[in-house]
Protein backbone atom coordinates (compact mmCIF):
# COMPACT_ATOMS: atom_id res chain seq x y z
CA MET A 1 4.35 29.03 -2.79
CA LYS A 2 4.42 30.92 0.47
CA ILE A 3 1.27 31.14 2.57
CA PHE A 4 0.75 33.84 5.15
CA HIS A 5 -2.24 35.71 6.48
CA SER A 6 -2.63 39.28 5.29
CA ASP A 7 -4.04 40.53 8.59
CA SER A 8 -0.99 39.34 10.55
CA PHE A 9 1.35 40.77 7.93
CA TYR A 10 -0.50 44.09 7.95
CA ARG A 11 -0.32 44.31 11.72
CA ALA A 12 3.40 43.53 11.68
CA PHE A 13 4.11 46.24 9.10
CA SER A 14 1.93 48.71 10.99
CA ASP A 15 3.81 47.88 14.19
CA LEU A 16 7.11 48.58 12.40
CA LEU A 17 5.92 51.99 11.18
CA GLN A 18 4.52 52.85 14.61
CA LEU A 19 7.83 51.86 16.22
CA GLN A 20 9.65 54.14 13.79
CA ARG A 21 7.42 57.04 14.81
CA THR A 22 8.03 56.27 18.49
CA ILE A 23 11.81 56.10 18.02
CA ASP A 24 11.71 59.34 15.99
CA ALA A 25 9.87 61.08 18.86
CA ILE A 26 12.41 59.81 21.41
CA TYR A 27 15.23 60.80 19.06
CA GLN A 28 13.87 64.33 18.77
CA LYS A 29 13.58 64.55 22.56
CA LYS A 30 16.88 62.94 23.63
CA GLY A 31 19.14 63.32 20.60
CA GLY A 32 20.87 60.72 18.45
CA LYS A 33 23.72 60.02 20.85
CA GLU A 34 21.41 58.92 23.66
CA LYS A 35 20.05 55.44 24.34
CA LEU A 36 16.67 53.92 25.02
CA SER A 37 15.65 53.17 28.57
CA PRO A 38 15.48 49.46 29.46
CA ALA A 39 11.66 49.57 29.31
CA GLU A 40 11.66 51.34 25.93
CA ALA A 41 14.28 48.95 24.57
CA ASN A 42 12.35 45.85 25.68
CA SER A 43 9.14 47.14 24.10
CA ALA A 44 10.97 47.86 20.83
CA ARG A 45 12.66 44.45 20.89
CA LEU A 46 9.33 42.61 21.19
CA ILE A 47 7.92 44.52 18.25
CA ILE A 48 10.98 43.87 16.06
CA VAL A 49 10.98 40.15 16.89
CA GLY A 50 7.31 39.89 15.87
CA VAL A 51 7.89 41.90 12.71
CA LEU A 52 10.87 39.81 11.62
CA GLY A 53 8.93 36.59 12.27
CA GLU A 54 6.08 37.72 10.03
CA PHE A 55 8.46 38.93 7.33
CA GLU A 56 10.28 35.60 7.44
CA ARG A 57 6.99 33.76 6.85
CA ALA A 58 6.51 35.94 3.78
CA ASP A 59 10.06 35.06 2.66
CA LEU A 60 11.17 38.67 2.15
CA ASN A 61 14.83 38.09 1.30
CA ARG A 62 16.13 41.63 1.67
CA VAL A 63 14.43 41.88 5.04
CA LEU A 64 16.07 38.68 6.18
CA GLU A 65 19.44 40.10 5.17
CA ARG A 66 18.68 43.15 7.31
CA ALA A 67 17.71 40.83 10.14
CA GLU A 68 21.22 39.39 10.00
CA ARG A 69 22.61 42.89 10.36
CA LEU A 70 20.46 43.44 13.41
CA LYS A 71 22.45 40.75 15.19
CA HIS A 72 25.21 43.29 15.81
CA PHE A 73 22.68 45.03 18.03
CA GLY A 74 23.66 42.60 20.77
CA GLU A 75 20.79 40.15 20.10
CA LEU A 76 18.41 43.12 20.08
CA ARG A 77 19.53 44.51 23.42
CA LEU A 78 18.55 47.92 22.12
CA ASP A 79 19.33 49.73 25.37
CA ARG A 80 23.01 49.29 24.49
CA ASN A 81 22.78 51.10 21.13
CA LEU A 82 22.60 54.74 20.15
CA LEU A 83 19.24 56.09 19.08
CA GLU A 84 20.62 57.27 15.74
CA ASP A 85 21.76 53.71 14.95
CA ILE A 86 18.42 52.19 15.91
CA ARG A 87 16.58 54.81 13.89
CA ARG A 88 18.73 54.13 10.82
CA GLU A 89 18.36 50.35 11.08
CA LEU A 90 14.58 50.56 11.35
CA LYS A 91 14.39 52.81 8.30
CA GLU A 92 16.54 50.45 6.28
CA LEU A 93 14.42 47.52 7.43
CA GLU A 94 11.30 49.32 6.17
CA MET A 95 12.95 50.10 2.82
CA ALA A 96 14.08 46.48 2.46
CA ALA A 97 10.51 45.32 3.07
CA TYR A 98 9.13 47.72 0.44
CA ALA A 99 11.80 46.58 -2.04
CA ASP A 100 10.87 42.94 -1.49
CA LEU A 101 7.15 43.60 -1.73
CA SER A 102 7.59 45.44 -5.02
CA LYS A 103 8.98 42.22 -6.53
CA ARG A 104 6.12 40.01 -5.36
CA THR A 105 2.75 39.24 -6.91
CA PHE A 106 0.09 38.52 -4.31
CA SER A 107 -3.24 36.79 -4.67
CA TYR A 108 -5.96 36.00 -2.18
CA LEU A 109 -8.77 33.52 -1.78
CA GLU A 110 -12.28 34.86 -2.14
CA ASP A 111 -14.74 33.98 0.60
CA THR A 112 -16.47 31.44 -1.65
CA ALA A 113 -13.15 29.72 -2.43
CA GLU A 114 -11.85 29.43 1.13
CA PRO A 115 -13.88 26.28 2.04
CA TYR A 116 -12.20 24.33 -0.78
CA TYR A 117 -8.56 25.23 -0.17
CA GLU A 118 -6.21 22.64 1.37
CA LYS A 119 -9.04 20.64 2.94
CA SER A 120 -7.90 17.12 3.84
CA GLU A 121 -11.50 15.88 4.11
CA LEU A 122 -13.13 17.96 1.42
CA PHE A 123 -15.71 15.24 0.68
CA GLY A 124 -16.31 14.46 4.35
CA PRO A 125 -15.00 11.80 6.75
CA ALA A 126 -16.95 8.92 5.17
CA VAL A 127 -15.17 9.34 1.83
CA ALA A 128 -11.82 9.99 3.52
CA ASN A 129 -12.11 6.76 5.51
CA ARG A 130 -13.43 4.63 2.65
CA PHE A 131 -11.01 5.87 -0.01
CA PRO A 132 -7.78 6.93 1.75
CA LYS A 133 -5.74 6.58 -1.45
CA ALA A 134 -7.94 9.22 -3.08
CA ALA A 135 -7.22 11.78 -0.34
CA TYR A 136 -4.38 13.51 -2.20
CA ASP A 137 -6.33 14.05 -5.41
CA ILE A 138 -9.49 15.15 -3.59
CA LYS A 139 -7.50 17.72 -1.63
CA GLU A 140 -5.72 18.91 -4.79
CA ALA A 141 -9.02 19.14 -6.66
CA GLY A 142 -10.35 21.50 -4.00
CA SER A 143 -7.20 23.60 -3.92
CA CYS A 144 -7.12 23.83 -7.72
CA TYR A 145 -10.76 24.89 -7.80
CA SER A 146 -10.25 27.56 -5.14
CA THR A 147 -7.22 29.03 -6.96
CA GLY A 148 -8.83 29.17 -10.39
CA ARG A 149 -7.12 26.10 -11.89
CA HIS A 150 -10.39 24.62 -13.07
CA THR A 151 -9.12 22.14 -15.66
CA ALA A 152 -6.59 20.85 -13.11
CA CYS A 153 -9.48 20.48 -10.65
CA VAL A 154 -11.33 18.18 -13.07
CA PHE A 155 -8.11 16.26 -13.73
CA HIS A 156 -7.66 15.48 -10.02
CA LEU A 157 -11.33 14.60 -9.65
CA MET A 158 -11.00 11.96 -12.36
CA ARG A 159 -7.90 10.57 -10.62
CA ALA A 160 -9.85 10.40 -7.35
CA LEU A 161 -12.66 8.54 -9.10
CA GLU A 162 -10.21 5.93 -10.32
CA HIS A 163 -9.64 4.81 -6.74
CA ALA A 164 -13.39 4.42 -6.34
CA LEU A 165 -13.57 2.48 -9.61
CA ARG A 166 -10.91 0.01 -8.44
CA ASP A 167 -12.66 -0.33 -5.09
CA LEU A 168 -15.94 -1.19 -6.78
CA ALA A 169 -14.16 -3.72 -9.00
CA ARG A 170 -12.81 -5.41 -5.88
CA ARG A 171 -16.30 -5.51 -4.38
CA LEU A 172 -17.56 -7.28 -7.48
CA LYS A 173 -14.58 -9.67 -7.37
CA VAL A 174 -13.43 -8.70 -10.85
CA PRO A 175 -10.52 -11.00 -11.75
CA PHE A 176 -7.17 -9.25 -11.99
CA PRO A 177 -4.44 -11.32 -13.63
CA SER A 178 -2.29 -8.18 -13.48
CA LYS A 179 -2.15 -5.09 -11.30
CA PHE A 180 -5.24 -2.88 -11.08
CA GLU A 181 -3.22 0.06 -12.32
CA LEU A 182 -2.62 -1.66 -15.67
CA LYS A 183 -6.29 -1.93 -16.52
CA THR A 184 -7.96 0.95 -18.33
CA TRP A 185 -11.27 2.44 -17.25
CA ASP A 186 -12.98 0.89 -20.24
CA THR A 187 -11.64 -2.58 -19.44
CA LEU A 188 -12.54 -2.30 -15.76
CA ILE A 189 -16.08 -1.14 -16.50
CA LYS A 190 -16.61 -3.96 -19.01
CA ASP A 191 -15.30 -6.49 -16.49
CA MET A 192 -17.63 -5.09 -13.84
CA GLU A 193 -20.58 -5.32 -16.20
CA ASP A 194 -19.70 -8.99 -16.76
CA GLU A 195 -19.75 -9.57 -13.00
CA ILE A 196 -23.06 -7.70 -12.71
CA GLY A 197 -24.40 -10.04 -15.39
CA LYS A 198 -23.65 -12.96 -13.07
CA ILE A 199 -25.85 -11.40 -10.38
CA ILE A 200 -28.76 -11.54 -12.84
CA LEU A 201 -28.40 -15.32 -12.98
CA LYS A 202 -28.87 -15.64 -9.21
CA PRO A 203 -32.28 -16.61 -7.72
CA ARG A 204 -34.71 -13.73 -7.41
CA THR A 205 -34.47 -12.21 -3.93
CA ARG A 206 -34.88 -8.76 -2.42
CA GLN A 207 -31.08 -8.55 -1.97
CA ARG A 208 -30.49 -9.50 -5.61
CA ALA A 209 -32.82 -6.71 -6.71
CA LYS A 210 -31.02 -4.18 -4.49
CA ASP A 211 -27.61 -5.30 -5.74
CA LEU A 212 -28.64 -5.04 -9.37
CA GLU A 213 -30.11 -1.58 -8.86
CA PHE A 214 -27.01 -0.34 -7.07
CA TYR A 215 -24.31 -1.87 -9.25
CA ASN A 216 -26.03 -1.12 -12.55
CA SER A 217 -26.50 2.53 -11.62
CA ILE A 218 -22.89 2.81 -10.44
CA ALA A 219 -21.47 1.18 -13.58
CA LEU A 220 -23.59 3.53 -15.67
CA GLN A 221 -22.26 6.51 -13.70
CA PHE A 222 -18.67 5.43 -14.30
CA ARG A 223 -19.33 5.26 -18.03
CA TYR A 224 -20.84 8.72 -17.79
CA PHE A 225 -17.72 10.03 -16.02
CA LYS A 226 -15.41 8.27 -18.50
CA ASP A 227 -17.10 9.45 -21.68
CA GLY A 228 -18.21 12.84 -20.39
CA TRP A 229 -15.06 14.10 -18.70
CA ARG A 230 -12.33 11.60 -17.90
CA ASN A 231 -11.24 10.82 -21.47
CA HIS A 232 -11.37 14.47 -22.45
CA VAL A 233 -9.34 15.91 -19.58
CA MET A 234 -6.79 13.08 -19.54
CA HIS A 235 -6.11 13.39 -23.25
CA THR A 236 -6.06 17.21 -23.38
CA ARG A 237 -9.24 17.40 -25.44
CA ALA A 238 -11.05 19.87 -23.21
CA SER A 239 -10.62 22.74 -20.77
CA TYR A 240 -13.06 23.70 -18.06
CA ASP A 241 -14.26 26.96 -16.56
CA GLU A 242 -15.32 27.68 -12.98
CA HIS A 243 -18.98 26.70 -13.42
CA GLN A 244 -18.16 23.45 -15.19
CA ALA A 245 -15.56 22.51 -12.59
CA LYS A 246 -17.97 23.27 -9.73
CA ARG A 247 -20.68 21.13 -11.30
CA ILE A 248 -18.28 18.21 -11.74
CA LEU A 249 -16.88 18.70 -8.24
CA VAL A 250 -20.34 18.49 -6.68
CA HIS A 251 -21.28 15.50 -8.82
CA VAL A 252 -18.11 13.56 -7.91
CA GLU A 253 -18.52 14.40 -4.22
CA GLU A 254 -22.10 13.10 -4.14
CA PHE A 255 -21.17 10.01 -6.11
CA MET A 256 -18.18 9.07 -3.92
CA HIS A 257 -20.21 9.73 -0.78
CA ASP A 258 -22.91 7.33 -2.03
CA LEU A 259 -20.25 4.71 -2.72
CA ALA A 260 -18.61 5.23 0.66
CA THR A 261 -21.83 4.91 2.63
CA HIS A 262 -23.51 2.11 0.68
């Protein structure tokens, strides 16, 4: 996927068309066998360089082929070339751009989607610092949401939550005879509940009460995520629309932020 900004592209194309009009006016005044003055040539060169750079970012193949042909213009020393040749090359460059554009399908981000696209700290710095391994899936969840891939958004959110689940299991000192990755959500949650049960056996203190409140609520939330969404999206049992994905996105963000700051 190529990413470029429409305003820059529009300005570049407008500059190309304006340059054509300028060259046409000079052509009508001087004739095709004349040349540009050094000042006119330098101004035209700067415009063409900017235009070609923007077209390259858009990956317009036919335009890039024309750009190769422009090399015979003496590295764009346009004061050395006849006006009729410059005029023809600019016209063919325009036609190449139109031909390329006709083969492309463009989309754009709505204003409401922009804040979610390609954001490395979508859930804020606290979550990014506490769960660095979840960064990829959090970023992808935001990008999928902003581009209308709502089921994929939920999929990545559940993957991000898995890093939080493993982190919580480590906090509770859940025994792992094998790698974390080999334990299912259900097994991890059951093991965590066993460890929470051990906290109940401790002497009654204010800290014990706080720990029980926190860990019990978190374990309950993980079951909610597992049964409500995770199992369904991972096993292709459900698809999600924009409103559902947004609700889950907000819920996961708040949950991971609570975990990160506790």
